[in-house]
Amino acid sequence: MTWRDLALNAAVQAAPLAALAFLARSIVLHWLSKDVELFKTRLAAESQRAVESLRAELTRESIEHRVRFEALHASQVAAIEALYGKLVDTRYSLERFVHAWQPDNQVEFNRIRGIFFELRQELDKRRIHLPEELCLELDRCIQVLWRPTVAAGVWPGVNRGPDQMKAAEEFDTAMKAVLEG
């Protein structure tokens, strides 16, 4: 056996081994590419499902949020409407009381005090639906309306002494504030 025979024999044996290695490599690459394609498909489907799930959840939360705030705005509108009506009624009752005031009109004063009590009670009931700044402003408004009522109910227009004069001035100042709005 010569070198040539040995090389030829080695080449003949190496050829099937190389073909077998190439075939094995092709089969493994084919399986891997199939697995990669399957993985890509699964990943795309899962991501699409996750996106749709998130979109549906966001839509549901958006609708829930909108419904909740529509109800909140409706309750705020109802609260403001009720308070405004009560405030207007109280103002006109106050004006009638002050313009028709008489020193011995204690029954009318008690009726006006009841109207103010109902207004404050209505504000307290509706406070939960309203912004705090508005409630504070309404409290100030009620106090401005209440001052001339107290002045008219407590201090008759008798010009005896400096205390009664000061009370009458306070009454006039408060009434001007009420009439100016």
Protein backbone atom coordinates (compact mmCIF):
# COMPACT_ATOMS: atom_id res chain seq x y z
CA MET A 1 0.00 0.00 0.00
CA THR A 2 1.28 3.24 -1.04
CA TRP A 3 0.67 6.69 0.05
CA ARG A 4 -1.58 7.17 -2.80
CA ASP A 5 -3.77 4.26 -1.89
CA LEU A 6 -3.92 5.43 1.67
CA ALA A 7 -4.87 8.95 0.67
CA LEU A 8 -7.45 7.63 -1.78
CA ASN A 9 -8.86 5.27 0.86
CA ALA A 10 -9.01 8.12 3.40
CA ALA A 11 -10.68 10.39 0.84
CA VAL A 12 -13.24 7.69 0.01
CA GLN A 13 -14.05 7.22 3.69
CA ALA A 14 -14.04 10.96 4.38
CA ALA A 15 -16.50 11.72 1.55
CA PRO A 16 -19.43 9.82 3.10
CA LEU A 17 -18.53 11.24 6.50
CA ALA A 18 -18.55 14.78 5.07
CA ALA A 19 -21.82 14.09 3.27
CA LEU A 20 -23.26 12.64 6.48
CA ALA A 21 -22.04 15.68 8.46
CA PHE A 22 -23.50 18.04 5.84
CA LEU A 23 -26.79 16.13 5.91
CA ALA A 24 -26.88 16.18 9.73
CA ARG A 25 -26.09 19.88 9.71
CA SER A 26 -28.87 20.54 7.18
CA ILE A 27 -31.38 18.52 9.22
CA VAL A 28 -30.45 20.33 12.46
CA LEU A 29 -30.65 23.74 10.74
CA HIS A 30 -33.99 22.80 9.23
CA TRP A 31 -35.36 21.77 12.65
CA LEU A 32 -33.96 24.89 14.26
CA SER A 33 -35.40 27.13 11.56
CA LYS A 34 -38.75 25.38 12.02
CA ASP A 35 -38.50 25.99 15.78
CA VAL A 36 -37.49 29.60 15.22
CA GLU A 37 -40.44 30.16 12.88
CA LEU A 38 -42.79 28.47 15.36
CA PHE A 39 -41.34 30.64 18.17
CA LYS A 40 -41.76 33.81 16.08
CA THR A 41 -45.35 32.87 15.28
CA ARG A 42 -46.14 32.14 18.93
CA LEU A 43 -44.43 35.32 20.08
CA ALA A 44 -46.33 37.42 17.53
CA ALA A 45 -49.64 35.81 18.52
CA GLU A 46 -48.99 36.29 22.24
CA SER A 47 -47.94 39.90 21.76
CA GLN A 48 -51.02 40.58 19.62
CA ARG A 49 -53.22 38.92 22.25
CA ALA A 50 -51.55 41.01 24.98
CA VAL A 51 -52.04 44.21 22.96
CA GLU A 52 -55.72 43.42 22.38
CA SER A 53 -56.20 42.51 26.03
CA LEU A 54 -54.59 45.77 27.13
CA ARG A 55 -56.65 47.73 24.60
CA ALA A 56 -59.86 46.10 25.84
CA GLU A 57 -58.93 46.79 29.47
CA LEU A 58 -58.11 50.42 28.71
CA THR A 59 -61.38 50.83 26.83
CA ARG A 60 -63.30 49.31 29.75
CA GLU A 61 -61.53 51.55 32.27
CA SER A 62 -62.09 54.57 30.05
CA ILE A 63 -65.82 53.86 29.87
CA GLU A 64 -65.97 53.24 33.61
CA HIS A 65 -64.07 56.48 34.25
CA ARG A 66 -66.35 58.43 31.92
CA VAL A 67 -69.51 57.02 33.52
CA ARG A 68 -68.19 57.74 37.02
CA PHE A 69 -67.31 61.33 36.15
CA GLU A 70 -70.56 61.88 34.28
CA ALA A 71 -72.38 60.84 37.46
CA LEU A 72 -70.12 63.08 39.53
CA HIS A 73 -70.74 66.06 37.25
CA ALA A 74 -74.47 65.38 37.28
CA SER A 75 -74.49 65.30 41.08
CA GLN A 76 -72.42 68.51 41.18
CA VAL A 77 -74.86 70.21 38.81
CA ALA A 78 -77.80 69.06 40.93
CA ALA A 79 -76.08 70.28 44.11
CA ILE A 80 -75.23 73.65 42.60
CA GLU A 81 -78.74 74.03 41.19
CA ALA A 82 -80.37 73.22 44.55
CA LEU A 83 -78.05 75.52 46.46
CA TYR A 84 -78.43 78.34 43.99
CA GLY A 85 -82.23 78.12 44.19
CA LYS A 86 -82.08 78.09 47.99
CA LEU A 87 -79.65 81.02 47.98
CA VAL A 88 -81.88 83.11 45.67
CA ASP A 89 -84.96 82.34 47.79
CA THR A 90 -83.06 83.30 50.93
CA ARG A 91 -81.85 86.56 49.41
CA TYR A 92 -85.35 87.61 48.36
CA SER A 93 -86.78 86.61 51.72
CA LEU A 94 -84.08 88.68 53.40
CA GLU A 95 -84.80 91.68 51.21
CA ARG A 96 -88.53 91.46 51.95
CA PHE A 97 -87.80 91.17 55.66
CA VAL A 98 -85.40 94.12 55.72
CA HIS A 99 -87.59 96.38 53.59
CA ALA A 100 -90.71 95.62 55.63
CA TRP A 101 -88.85 95.71 58.92
CA GLN A 102 -90.57 96.69 62.14
CA PRO A 103 -89.03 96.77 65.62
CA ASP A 104 -91.47 94.21 67.03
CA ASN A 105 -91.29 91.76 64.12
CA GLN A 106 -89.81 88.81 66.07
CA VAL A 107 -92.02 86.21 64.33
CA GLU A 108 -90.76 87.25 60.92
CA PHE A 109 -87.17 87.27 62.20
CA ASN A 110 -87.59 83.70 63.44
CA ARG A 111 -89.00 82.67 60.05
CA ILE A 112 -85.99 84.21 58.26
CA ARG A 113 -83.65 82.50 60.74
CA GLY A 114 -85.33 79.19 59.78
CA ILE A 115 -84.75 79.93 56.10
CA PHE A 116 -81.06 80.57 56.78
CA PHE A 117 -80.87 77.38 58.81
CA GLU A 118 -82.33 75.43 55.88
CA LEU A 119 -79.84 77.09 53.50
CA ARG A 120 -76.87 76.15 55.73
CA GLN A 121 -78.25 72.64 56.13
CA GLU A 122 -78.61 72.29 52.35
CA LEU A 123 -75.02 73.47 51.89
CA ASP A 124 -73.80 70.94 54.46
CA LYS A 125 -75.71 68.14 52.74
CA ARG A 126 -74.36 69.04 49.30
CA ARG A 127 -70.80 69.83 50.43
CA ILE A 128 -69.57 66.35 49.50
CA HIS A 129 -70.40 66.97 45.83
CA LEU A 130 -68.82 70.42 45.58
CA PRO A 131 -65.26 71.73 45.47
CA GLU A 132 -64.06 73.09 48.81
CA GLU A 133 -63.33 76.55 47.37
CA LEU A 134 -66.94 76.89 46.27
CA CYS A 135 -68.18 75.78 49.70
CA LEU A 136 -66.00 78.38 51.42
CA GLU A 137 -67.28 81.05 49.04
CA LEU A 138 -70.88 80.01 49.75
CA ASP A 139 -70.18 80.15 53.51
CA ARG A 140 -68.91 83.72 53.09
CA CYS A 141 -71.95 84.62 51.00
CA ILE A 142 -74.32 83.23 53.63
CA GLN A 143 -72.50 85.21 56.33
CA VAL A 144 -72.85 88.40 54.29
CA LEU A 145 -76.57 87.72 53.90
CA TRP A 146 -77.00 86.86 57.57
CA ARG A 147 -75.45 90.06 59.00
CA PRO A 148 -78.25 92.45 58.00
CA THR A 149 -80.83 89.91 59.12
CA VAL A 150 -79.30 89.76 62.57
CA ALA A 151 -78.96 93.52 62.62
CA ALA A 152 -82.61 93.95 61.66
CA GLY A 153 -83.79 91.34 64.12
CA VAL A 154 -81.70 92.36 67.10
CA TRP A 155 -81.17 96.11 66.78
CA PRO A 156 -84.28 98.14 66.17
CA GLY A 157 -83.85 101.47 64.44
CA VAL A 158 -83.87 103.37 67.71
CA ASN A 159 -81.40 106.21 67.87
CA ARG A 160 -80.45 105.79 71.52
CA GLY A 161 -76.75 105.75 72.25
CA PRO A 162 -73.61 105.00 70.22
CA ASP A 163 -74.11 101.19 70.21
CA GLN A 164 -77.42 101.44 68.40
CA MET A 165 -75.90 103.92 65.91
CA LYS A 166 -72.99 101.58 65.23
CA ALA A 167 -75.39 98.67 64.79
CA ALA A 168 -77.50 100.68 62.37
CA GLU A 169 -74.39 101.59 60.38
CA GLU A 170 -73.33 97.94 60.25
CA PHE A 171 -76.80 97.01 59.13
CA ASP A 172 -76.73 99.61 56.34
CA THR A 173 -73.26 98.49 55.21
CA ALA A 174 -74.26 94.83 55.18
CA MET A 175 -77.50 95.58 53.35
CA LYS A 176 -75.62 97.52 50.67
CA ALA A 177 -73.30 94.53 50.23
CA VAL A 178 -76.32 92.24 49.83
CA LEU A 179 -78.04 94.50 47.34
CA GLU A 180 -74.85 94.86 45.31
CA GLY A 181 -74.56 91.09 45.13
